Amino acid sequence: MSFMSAGGTGNYAAVTVASQRSDLSLYYERLSFEISQYTKDGADLMISNVWMEQPPTTKDNDQFTNKKDTMK
């Protein structure tokens, strides 16, 4: 699934660069965005059905910025 989605996104990116018509570039970018949304929905579905593990996420930076400075 990820290979096909990456291929579709890559194809639209290559066509966007190679196209000499600027009006088509907007359509290709929109289609590329829709493919990425479709891929995210598929990954979320696989995670919710435990067919795939959730990838690691970043830490919540708000918890670090809201702490009072205890070094003083």
N, C-alpha and C. Protein backbone atom coordinates (compact mmCIF):
# COMPACT_ATOMS: atom_id res chain seq x y z
N MET A 1 0.83 -1.19 0.00
CA MET A 1 0.00 0.00 0.00
C MET A 1 0.87 1.25 0.00
N SER A 2 1.88 1.28 0.87
CA SER A 2 2.72 2.47 0.94
C SER A 2 3.56 2.62 -0.33
N PHE A 3 3.97 1.50 -0.93
CA PHE A 3 4.75 1.57 -2.17
C PHE A 3 3.93 2.17 -3.30
N MET A 4 2.70 1.73 -3.43
CA MET A 4 1.84 2.26 -4.49
C MET A 4 1.49 3.72 -4.26
N SER A 5 1.27 4.10 -3.00
CA SER A 5 0.96 5.50 -2.69
C SER A 5 2.16 6.40 -2.96
N ALA A 6 3.34 5.91 -2.58
CA ALA A 6 4.55 6.69 -2.84
C ALA A 6 4.79 6.82 -4.33
N GLY A 7 4.52 5.75 -5.08
CA GLY A 7 4.67 5.81 -6.53
C GLY A 7 3.71 6.80 -7.16
N GLY A 8 2.46 6.80 -6.70
CA GLY A 8 1.48 7.75 -7.23
C GLY A 8 1.84 9.18 -6.92
N THR A 9 2.28 9.43 -5.71
CA THR A 9 2.69 10.78 -5.33
C THR A 9 3.91 11.21 -6.13
N GLY A 10 4.85 10.29 -6.29
CA GLY A 10 6.06 10.59 -7.06
C GLY A 10 5.76 10.88 -8.52
N ASN A 11 4.83 10.12 -9.08
CA ASN A 11 4.45 10.37 -10.48
C ASN A 11 3.83 11.74 -10.65
N TYR A 12 2.95 12.13 -9.75
CA TYR A 12 2.34 13.45 -9.85
C TYR A 12 3.37 14.56 -9.64
N ALA A 13 4.33 14.32 -8.76
CA ALA A 13 5.38 15.32 -8.55
C ALA A 13 6.24 15.47 -9.81
N ALA A 14 6.56 14.36 -10.44
CA ALA A 14 7.37 14.42 -11.66
C ALA A 14 6.62 15.12 -12.79
N VAL A 15 5.33 14.84 -12.91
CA VAL A 15 4.52 15.48 -13.96
C VAL A 15 4.38 16.97 -13.68
N THR A 16 4.26 17.34 -12.42
CA THR A 16 4.13 18.75 -12.07
C THR A 16 5.37 19.53 -12.50
N VAL A 17 6.53 18.95 -12.28
CA VAL A 17 7.78 19.61 -12.66
C VAL A 17 7.94 19.66 -14.17
N ALA A 18 7.56 18.59 -14.86
CA ALA A 18 7.77 18.51 -16.30
C ALA A 18 6.70 19.25 -17.11
N SER A 19 5.57 19.52 -16.51
CA SER A 19 4.47 20.14 -17.25
C SER A 19 4.78 21.60 -17.55
N GLN A 20 4.49 22.00 -18.76
CA GLN A 20 4.70 23.39 -19.14
C GLN A 20 3.45 24.23 -18.96
N ARG A 21 2.35 23.58 -18.60
CA ARG A 21 1.11 24.31 -18.35
C ARG A 21 0.95 24.53 -16.85
N SER A 22 0.92 25.76 -16.45
CA SER A 22 0.84 26.07 -15.02
C SER A 22 -0.54 25.75 -14.45
N ASP A 23 -1.58 25.75 -15.28
CA ASP A 23 -2.91 25.45 -14.75
C ASP A 23 -3.04 23.98 -14.37
N LEU A 24 -2.32 23.09 -15.00
CA LEU A 24 -2.38 21.67 -14.65
C LEU A 24 -1.62 21.36 -13.37
N SER A 25 -0.65 22.17 -13.04
CA SER A 25 0.14 21.94 -11.83
C SER A 25 -0.74 21.94 -10.58
N LEU A 26 -1.73 22.81 -10.56
CA LEU A 26 -2.64 22.85 -9.42
C LEU A 26 -3.43 21.56 -9.28
N TYR A 27 -3.85 21.00 -10.39
CA TYR A 27 -4.59 19.73 -10.35
C TYR A 27 -3.69 18.59 -9.86
N TYR A 28 -2.46 18.58 -10.35
CA TYR A 28 -1.53 17.52 -9.92
C TYR A 28 -1.22 17.63 -8.43
N GLU A 29 -1.06 18.84 -7.95
CA GLU A 29 -0.80 19.03 -6.52
C GLU A 29 -1.99 18.59 -5.68
N ARG A 30 -3.20 18.89 -6.16
CA ARG A 30 -4.40 18.47 -5.45
C ARG A 30 -4.50 16.96 -5.41
N LEU A 31 -4.25 16.31 -6.54
CA LEU A 31 -4.29 14.85 -6.59
C LEU A 31 -3.22 14.23 -5.70
N SER A 32 -2.06 14.85 -5.64
CA SER A 32 -1.00 14.36 -4.76
C SER A 32 -1.42 14.46 -3.30
N PHE A 33 -2.09 15.55 -2.95
CA PHE A 33 -2.59 15.72 -1.58
C PHE A 33 -3.66 14.67 -1.26
N GLU A 34 -4.55 14.40 -2.23
CA GLU A 34 -5.58 13.40 -2.00
C GLU A 34 -4.99 12.01 -1.81
N ILE A 35 -3.93 11.70 -2.54
CA ILE A 35 -3.27 10.41 -2.36
C ILE A 35 -2.67 10.31 -0.96
N SER A 36 -2.06 11.40 -0.48
CA SER A 36 -1.48 11.36 0.87
C SER A 36 -2.56 11.23 1.94
N GLN A 37 -3.71 11.85 1.75
CA GLN A 37 -4.82 11.69 2.69
C GLN A 37 -5.34 10.26 2.67
N TYR A 38 -5.45 9.67 1.48
CA TYR A 38 -5.89 8.29 1.33
C TYR A 38 -4.92 7.34 2.03
N THR A 39 -3.62 7.60 1.89
CA THR A 39 -2.61 6.78 2.54
C THR A 39 -2.70 6.89 4.06
N LYS A 40 -2.92 8.10 4.57
CA LYS A 40 -3.05 8.29 6.02
C LYS A 40 -4.29 7.57 6.54
N ASP A 41 -5.40 7.67 5.83
CA ASP A 41 -6.62 6.97 6.25
C ASP A 41 -6.40 5.46 6.27
N GLY A 42 -5.70 4.94 5.28
CA GLY A 42 -5.40 3.51 5.24
C GLY A 42 -4.51 3.08 6.39
N ALA A 43 -3.51 3.89 6.71
CA ALA A 43 -2.62 3.58 7.83
C ALA A 43 -3.38 3.63 9.15
N ASP A 44 -4.25 4.62 9.31
CA ASP A 44 -5.06 4.70 10.54
C ASP A 44 -5.97 3.49 10.68
N LEU A 45 -6.52 3.03 9.57
CA LEU A 45 -7.38 1.84 9.58
C LEU A 45 -6.58 0.60 9.99
N MET A 46 -5.38 0.47 9.44
CA MET A 46 -4.55 -0.68 9.79
C MET A 46 -4.11 -0.63 11.24
N ILE A 47 -3.84 0.56 11.76
CA ILE A 47 -3.44 0.70 13.17
C ILE A 47 -4.61 0.36 14.08
N SER A 48 -5.81 0.82 13.74
CA SER A 48 -6.98 0.56 14.59
C SER A 48 -7.36 -0.92 14.61
N ASN A 49 -7.05 -1.66 13.54
CA ASN A 49 -7.34 -3.10 13.50
C ASN A 49 -6.14 -3.94 13.92
N VAL A 50 -5.10 -3.32 14.42
CA VAL A 50 -3.87 -3.96 14.91
C VAL A 50 -3.20 -4.78 13.80
N TRP A 51 -3.29 -4.31 12.57
CA TRP A 51 -2.58 -4.94 11.46
C TRP A 51 -1.21 -4.30 11.28
N MET A 52 -1.03 -3.16 11.90
CA MET A 52 0.23 -2.45 11.82
C MET A 52 0.42 -1.70 13.13
N GLU A 53 1.67 -1.61 13.59
CA GLU A 53 1.93 -0.85 14.81
C GLU A 53 1.95 0.63 14.50
N GLN A 54 1.59 1.42 15.51
CA GLN A 54 1.64 2.86 15.34
C GLN A 54 3.09 3.30 15.33
N PRO A 55 3.48 4.12 14.36
CA PRO A 55 4.87 4.60 14.33
C PRO A 55 5.15 5.50 15.52
N PRO A 56 6.42 5.60 15.91
CA PRO A 56 6.77 6.47 17.03
C PRO A 56 6.41 7.92 16.74
N THR A 57 5.99 8.62 17.77
CA THR A 57 5.63 10.03 17.61
C THR A 57 6.60 10.90 18.40
N THR A 58 6.52 12.19 18.17
CA THR A 58 7.39 13.12 18.90
C THR A 58 6.80 13.39 20.27
N LYS A 59 7.65 13.84 21.17
CA LYS A 59 7.19 14.17 22.51
C LYS A 59 6.41 15.48 22.47
N ASP A 60 5.53 15.63 23.44
CA ASP A 60 4.72 16.84 23.54
C ASP A 60 5.60 17.96 24.10
N ASN A 61 5.91 18.94 23.27
CA ASN A 61 6.79 20.03 23.69
C ASN A 61 6.10 21.00 24.64
N ASP A 62 4.76 21.01 24.67
CA ASP A 62 4.05 21.91 25.57
C ASP A 62 4.34 21.59 27.03
N GLN A 63 4.55 20.34 27.35
CA GLN A 63 4.83 19.99 28.74
C GLN A 63 6.18 20.54 29.20
N PHE A 64 7.10 20.72 28.25
CA PHE A 64 8.41 21.27 28.60
C PHE A 64 8.38 22.79 28.70
N THR A 65 7.58 23.45 27.86
CA THR A 65 7.56 24.90 27.87
C THR A 65 6.72 25.46 29.01
N ASN A 66 5.78 24.69 29.55
CA ASN A 66 4.92 25.18 30.62
C ASN A 66 5.50 24.95 32.01
N LYS A 67 6.59 24.22 32.11
CA LYS A 67 7.20 23.98 33.41
C LYS A 67 7.89 25.24 33.91
N LYS A 68 7.83 25.43 35.22
CA LYS A 68 8.53 26.57 35.81
C LYS A 68 10.00 26.24 35.92
N ASP A 69 10.81 27.25 35.86
CA ASP A 69 12.26 27.04 35.94
C ASP A 69 12.63 26.72 37.37
N THR A 70 13.08 25.50 37.61
CA THR A 70 13.43 25.06 38.96
C THR A 70 14.92 25.20 39.23
N MET A 71 15.68 25.70 38.28
CA MET A 71 17.12 25.83 38.44
C MET A 71 17.48 27.10 39.21
N LYS A 72 16.56 28.03 39.40
CA LYS A 72 16.89 29.31 40.07
C LYS A 72 17.01 29.12 41.54
